[in-house]
Amino acid sequence: MMTVQLTLLLLSFIVANLPWFSERLFYIVPLKAERKSLAWCLFELIVLYSLTGALTAYAEYSVYGQMSKQGWEFYTVTFSLFLVFAFPGFIYKTLWVKR
């Protein structure tokens, strides 16, 4: 069961960095601007957090057979962790790459 948890953490780290490595919206929709703005990246981050949370809830249900009820504190902490995971991509896009 520990491998499922580590796999989900690694997947969350990868998914949290995806918005920062493409100038397209969700790697599909081209934007009119030359560079994707911070607002679009944050929007993508919120949507990807929701999708990752849904996948994690499904994994919890399939492994344990039930889902634990969570309060707002849980979602605040997990979104903060998702933002920490996104930090390397943010640094790459804003500070490292010279355009």
N, C-alpha and C. Protein backbone atom coordinates (compact mmCIF):
# COMPACT_ATOMS: atom_id res chain seq x y z
N MET A 1 0.81 -1.20 0.00
CA MET A 1 0.00 0.00 0.00
C MET A 1 0.86 1.27 0.00
N MET A 2 2.06 1.14 0.52
CA MET A 2 2.95 2.30 0.55
C MET A 2 3.34 2.72 -0.86
N THR A 3 3.41 1.78 -1.78
CA THR A 3 3.78 2.14 -3.16
C THR A 3 2.70 2.99 -3.80
N VAL A 4 1.43 2.76 -3.45
CA VAL A 4 0.35 3.58 -4.00
C VAL A 4 0.50 5.01 -3.52
N GLN A 5 0.81 5.19 -2.26
CA GLN A 5 0.97 6.53 -1.71
C GLN A 5 2.17 7.25 -2.31
N LEU A 6 3.28 6.55 -2.45
CA LEU A 6 4.46 7.17 -3.07
C LEU A 6 4.23 7.49 -4.53
N THR A 7 3.53 6.61 -5.22
CA THR A 7 3.20 6.86 -6.63
C THR A 7 2.33 8.09 -6.77
N LEU A 8 1.34 8.25 -5.89
CA LEU A 8 0.47 9.42 -5.96
C LEU A 8 1.23 10.70 -5.62
N LEU A 9 2.16 10.63 -4.68
CA LEU A 9 2.98 11.82 -4.37
C LEU A 9 3.87 12.20 -5.55
N LEU A 10 4.47 11.22 -6.19
CA LEU A 10 5.31 11.49 -7.36
C LEU A 10 4.47 12.04 -8.51
N LEU A 11 3.30 11.46 -8.72
CA LEU A 11 2.40 11.95 -9.76
C LEU A 11 1.98 13.39 -9.46
N SER A 12 1.69 13.69 -8.20
CA SER A 12 1.31 15.05 -7.82
C SER A 12 2.44 16.03 -8.10
N PHE A 13 3.66 15.62 -7.81
CA PHE A 13 4.82 16.49 -8.08
C PHE A 13 4.95 16.78 -9.57
N ILE A 14 4.79 15.76 -10.39
CA ILE A 14 4.91 15.94 -11.84
C ILE A 14 3.77 16.81 -12.37
N VAL A 15 2.56 16.52 -11.95
CA VAL A 15 1.38 17.26 -12.43
C VAL A 15 1.44 18.72 -11.98
N ALA A 16 1.95 18.98 -10.77
CA ALA A 16 2.04 20.36 -10.28
C ALA A 16 2.99 21.20 -11.11
N ASN A 17 3.95 20.58 -11.77
CA ASN A 17 4.92 21.32 -12.57
C ASN A 17 4.52 21.46 -14.03
N LEU A 18 3.50 20.76 -14.46
CA LEU A 18 3.10 20.81 -15.87
C LEU A 18 2.72 22.21 -16.38
N PRO A 19 1.98 23.03 -15.64
CA PRO A 19 1.59 24.33 -16.21
C PRO A 19 2.75 25.25 -16.56
N TRP A 20 3.89 25.03 -15.97
CA TRP A 20 5.01 25.96 -16.14
C TRP A 20 5.88 25.64 -17.36
N PHE A 21 5.71 24.48 -17.97
CA PHE A 21 6.61 24.05 -19.04
C PHE A 21 6.02 24.15 -20.44
N SER A 22 4.87 24.77 -20.57
CA SER A 22 4.26 24.93 -21.89
C SER A 22 3.61 26.30 -21.99
N GLU A 23 3.61 26.85 -23.18
CA GLU A 23 2.94 28.13 -23.42
C GLU A 23 1.51 27.93 -23.90
N ARG A 24 1.06 26.69 -23.96
CA ARG A 24 -0.32 26.38 -24.34
C ARG A 24 -1.13 26.08 -23.09
N LEU A 25 -2.42 26.29 -23.17
CA LEU A 25 -3.32 26.00 -22.06
C LEU A 25 -3.59 24.51 -22.03
N PHE A 26 -3.22 23.84 -20.96
CA PHE A 26 -3.34 22.39 -20.81
C PHE A 26 -2.63 21.63 -21.92
N TYR A 27 -1.57 22.19 -22.45
CA TYR A 27 -0.77 21.60 -23.53
C TYR A 27 -1.55 21.42 -24.83
N ILE A 28 -2.75 21.98 -24.93
CA ILE A 28 -3.59 21.77 -26.11
C ILE A 28 -3.97 23.09 -26.78
N VAL A 29 -4.54 24.00 -26.02
CA VAL A 29 -5.13 25.23 -26.56
C VAL A 29 -4.06 26.31 -26.69
N PRO A 30 -3.80 26.77 -27.92
CA PRO A 30 -2.84 27.87 -28.07
C PRO A 30 -3.47 29.19 -27.61
N LEU A 31 -2.68 30.00 -26.94
CA LEU A 31 -3.16 31.29 -26.47
C LEU A 31 -2.72 32.39 -27.42
N LYS A 32 -3.43 33.50 -27.41
CA LYS A 32 -3.09 34.60 -28.31
C LYS A 32 -1.80 35.30 -27.89
N ALA A 33 -1.56 35.34 -26.60
CA ALA A 33 -0.34 36.00 -26.09
C ALA A 33 0.88 35.13 -26.38
N GLU A 34 2.01 35.80 -26.50
CA GLU A 34 3.26 35.08 -26.78
C GLU A 34 3.67 34.21 -25.59
N ARG A 35 3.49 34.74 -24.39
CA ARG A 35 3.81 33.99 -23.17
C ARG A 35 2.54 33.78 -22.35
N LYS A 36 2.43 32.64 -21.75
CA LYS A 36 1.28 32.35 -20.89
C LYS A 36 1.45 33.14 -19.59
N SER A 37 0.40 33.82 -19.17
CA SER A 37 0.49 34.66 -17.98
C SER A 37 0.42 33.81 -16.71
N LEU A 38 0.77 34.43 -15.61
CA LEU A 38 0.73 33.77 -14.33
C LEU A 38 -0.70 33.34 -13.97
N ALA A 39 -1.67 34.14 -14.36
CA ALA A 39 -3.08 33.81 -14.07
C ALA A 39 -3.49 32.50 -14.75
N TRP A 40 -3.09 32.31 -15.99
CA TRP A 40 -3.41 31.06 -16.69
C TRP A 40 -2.71 29.88 -16.02
N CYS A 41 -1.49 30.07 -15.60
CA CYS A 41 -0.76 28.99 -14.91
C CYS A 41 -1.45 28.62 -13.60
N LEU A 42 -1.89 29.62 -12.85
CA LEU A 42 -2.58 29.34 -11.60
C LEU A 42 -3.94 28.67 -11.84
N PHE A 43 -4.63 29.08 -12.90
CA PHE A 43 -5.89 28.42 -13.26
C PHE A 43 -5.65 26.95 -13.58
N GLU A 44 -4.62 26.69 -14.38
CA GLU A 44 -4.27 25.30 -14.70
C GLU A 44 -3.91 24.53 -13.44
N LEU A 45 -3.19 25.17 -12.53
CA LEU A 45 -2.78 24.53 -11.29
C LEU A 45 -4.00 24.12 -10.46
N ILE A 46 -5.00 24.97 -10.38
CA ILE A 46 -6.22 24.66 -9.62
C ILE A 46 -6.97 23.50 -10.26
N VAL A 47 -7.10 23.52 -11.58
CA VAL A 47 -7.80 22.44 -12.28
C VAL A 47 -7.03 21.13 -12.12
N LEU A 48 -5.73 21.17 -12.27
CA LEU A 48 -4.93 19.95 -12.12
C LEU A 48 -4.94 19.44 -10.69
N TYR A 49 -5.01 20.34 -9.71
CA TYR A 49 -5.15 19.92 -8.31
C TYR A 49 -6.46 19.17 -8.12
N SER A 50 -7.52 19.68 -8.71
CA SER A 50 -8.83 19.02 -8.59
C SER A 50 -8.81 17.64 -9.24
N LEU A 51 -8.21 17.55 -10.42
CA LEU A 51 -8.13 16.25 -11.10
C LEU A 51 -7.26 15.26 -10.32
N THR A 52 -6.16 15.74 -9.77
CA THR A 52 -5.30 14.88 -8.96
C THR A 52 -6.03 14.43 -7.69
N GLY A 53 -6.80 15.32 -7.09
CA GLY A 53 -7.58 14.97 -5.92
C GLY A 53 -8.63 13.92 -6.23
N ALA A 54 -9.27 14.03 -7.39
CA ALA A 54 -10.26 13.03 -7.79
C ALA A 54 -9.59 11.67 -8.01
N LEU A 55 -8.43 11.67 -8.64
CA LEU A 55 -7.69 10.42 -8.84
C LEU A 55 -7.27 9.82 -7.51
N THR A 56 -6.85 10.65 -6.59
CA THR A 56 -6.44 10.18 -5.27
C THR A 56 -7.63 9.62 -4.50
N ALA A 57 -8.78 10.26 -4.61
CA ALA A 57 -9.98 9.74 -3.94
C ALA A 57 -10.37 8.39 -4.51
N TYR A 58 -10.26 8.24 -5.82
CA TYR A 58 -10.55 6.95 -6.44
C TYR A 58 -9.55 5.89 -5.98
N ALA A 59 -8.28 6.25 -5.87
CA ALA A 59 -7.27 5.30 -5.41
C ALA A 59 -7.53 4.90 -3.96
N GLU A 60 -7.94 5.86 -3.14
CA GLU A 60 -8.25 5.54 -1.74
C GLU A 60 -9.43 4.58 -1.66
N TYR A 61 -10.43 4.83 -2.46
CA TYR A 61 -11.61 3.96 -2.44
C TYR A 61 -11.27 2.56 -2.95
N SER A 62 -10.45 2.49 -3.98
CA SER A 62 -10.13 1.17 -4.54
C SER A 62 -9.18 0.37 -3.64
N VAL A 63 -8.31 1.04 -2.88
CA VAL A 63 -7.37 0.34 -2.01
C VAL A 63 -8.03 -0.02 -0.67
N TYR A 64 -8.72 0.94 -0.06
CA TYR A 64 -9.27 0.73 1.28
C TYR A 64 -10.74 0.34 1.28
N GLY A 65 -11.44 0.53 0.19
CA GLY A 65 -12.85 0.18 0.12
C GLY A 65 -13.78 1.23 0.68
N GLN A 66 -13.26 2.35 1.14
CA GLN A 66 -14.07 3.45 1.64
C GLN A 66 -13.28 4.75 1.49
N MET A 67 -13.98 5.86 1.62
CA MET A 67 -13.33 7.17 1.56
C MET A 67 -13.54 7.87 2.88
N SER A 68 -12.49 8.43 3.42
CA SER A 68 -12.58 9.17 4.68
C SER A 68 -13.14 10.56 4.42
N LYS A 69 -13.96 11.04 5.33
CA LYS A 69 -14.48 12.40 5.21
C LYS A 69 -13.37 13.37 5.58
N GLN A 70 -13.29 14.46 4.83
CA GLN A 70 -12.24 15.46 5.05
C GLN A 70 -12.88 16.82 5.22
N GLY A 71 -12.31 17.62 6.09
CA GLY A 71 -12.76 18.99 6.29
C GLY A 71 -11.96 19.96 5.44
N TRP A 72 -12.25 21.24 5.63
CA TRP A 72 -11.58 22.25 4.82
C TRP A 72 -10.08 22.29 5.11
N GLU A 73 -9.68 21.90 6.31
CA GLU A 73 -8.27 21.93 6.68
C GLU A 73 -7.44 20.99 5.79
N PHE A 74 -8.01 19.83 5.51
CA PHE A 74 -7.33 18.85 4.66
C PHE A 74 -7.06 19.43 3.28
N TYR A 75 -8.05 20.07 2.69
CA TYR A 75 -7.89 20.61 1.35
C TYR A 75 -6.94 21.81 1.34
N THR A 76 -6.93 22.59 2.42
CA THR A 76 -5.99 23.70 2.52
C THR A 76 -4.55 23.20 2.57
N VAL A 77 -4.33 22.17 3.37
CA VAL A 77 -2.98 21.61 3.51
C VAL A 77 -2.53 20.94 2.22
N THR A 78 -3.41 20.17 1.58
CA THR A 78 -3.00 19.49 0.35
C THR A 78 -2.79 20.48 -0.79
N PHE A 79 -3.57 21.55 -0.86
CA PHE A 79 -3.33 22.55 -1.90
C PHE A 79 -2.02 23.29 -1.65
N SER A 80 -1.71 23.55 -0.38
CA SER A 80 -0.43 24.17 -0.05
C SER A 80 0.73 23.25 -0.44
N LEU A 81 0.59 21.96 -0.19
CA LEU A 81 1.61 21.01 -0.61
C LEU A 81 1.74 20.99 -2.13
N PHE A 82 0.61 21.08 -2.83
CA PHE A 82 0.63 21.11 -4.30
C PHE A 82 1.37 22.36 -4.79
N LEU A 83 1.18 23.49 -4.11
CA LEU A 83 1.91 24.71 -4.47
C LEU A 83 3.41 24.56 -4.21
N VAL A 84 3.77 23.90 -3.13
CA VAL A 84 5.19 23.64 -2.86
C VAL A 84 5.78 22.74 -3.93
N PHE A 85 5.02 21.73 -4.35
CA PHE A 85 5.47 20.85 -5.43
C PHE A 85 5.66 21.63 -6.73
N ALA A 86 4.86 22.68 -6.95
CA ALA A 86 4.94 23.46 -8.19
C ALA A 86 6.08 24.46 -8.20
N PHE A 87 6.76 24.62 -7.10
CA PHE A 87 7.81 25.64 -6.99
C PHE A 87 8.96 25.46 -7.99
N PRO A 88 9.47 24.25 -8.24
CA PRO A 88 10.55 24.13 -9.23
C PRO A 88 10.13 24.60 -10.63
N GLY A 89 8.92 24.29 -11.04
CA GLY A 89 8.45 24.75 -12.35
C GLY A 89 8.29 26.26 -12.39
N PHE A 90 7.80 26.84 -11.30
CA PHE A 90 7.66 28.29 -11.22
C PHE A 90 9.01 28.98 -11.33
N ILE A 91 10.00 28.46 -10.62
CA ILE A 91 11.36 29.02 -10.69
C ILE A 91 11.91 28.89 -12.10
N TYR A 92 11.68 27.75 -12.73
CA TYR A 92 12.16 27.54 -14.10
C TYR A 92 11.55 28.56 -15.04
N LYS A 93 10.24 28.77 -14.97
CA LYS A 93 9.56 29.66 -15.91
C LYS A 93 9.87 31.13 -15.66
N THR A 94 9.90 31.55 -14.39
CA THR A 94 10.02 32.96 -14.11
C THR A 94 11.45 33.46 -13.91
N LEU A 95 12.30 32.65 -13.33
CA LEU A 95 13.63 33.15 -12.99
C LEU A 95 14.76 32.55 -13.81
N TRP A 96 14.60 31.34 -14.28
CA TRP A 96 15.71 30.65 -14.92
C TRP A 96 15.76 30.89 -16.43
N VAL A 97 14.64 30.76 -17.09
CA VAL A 97 14.61 30.85 -18.56
C VAL A 97 14.68 32.31 -18.99
N LYS A 98 15.65 32.64 -19.79
CA LYS A 98 15.79 33.99 -20.34
C LYS A 98 15.09 34.03 -21.70
N ARG A 99 14.16 34.95 -21.83
CA ARG A 99 13.43 35.07 -23.12
C ARG A 99 13.59 36.45 -23.67
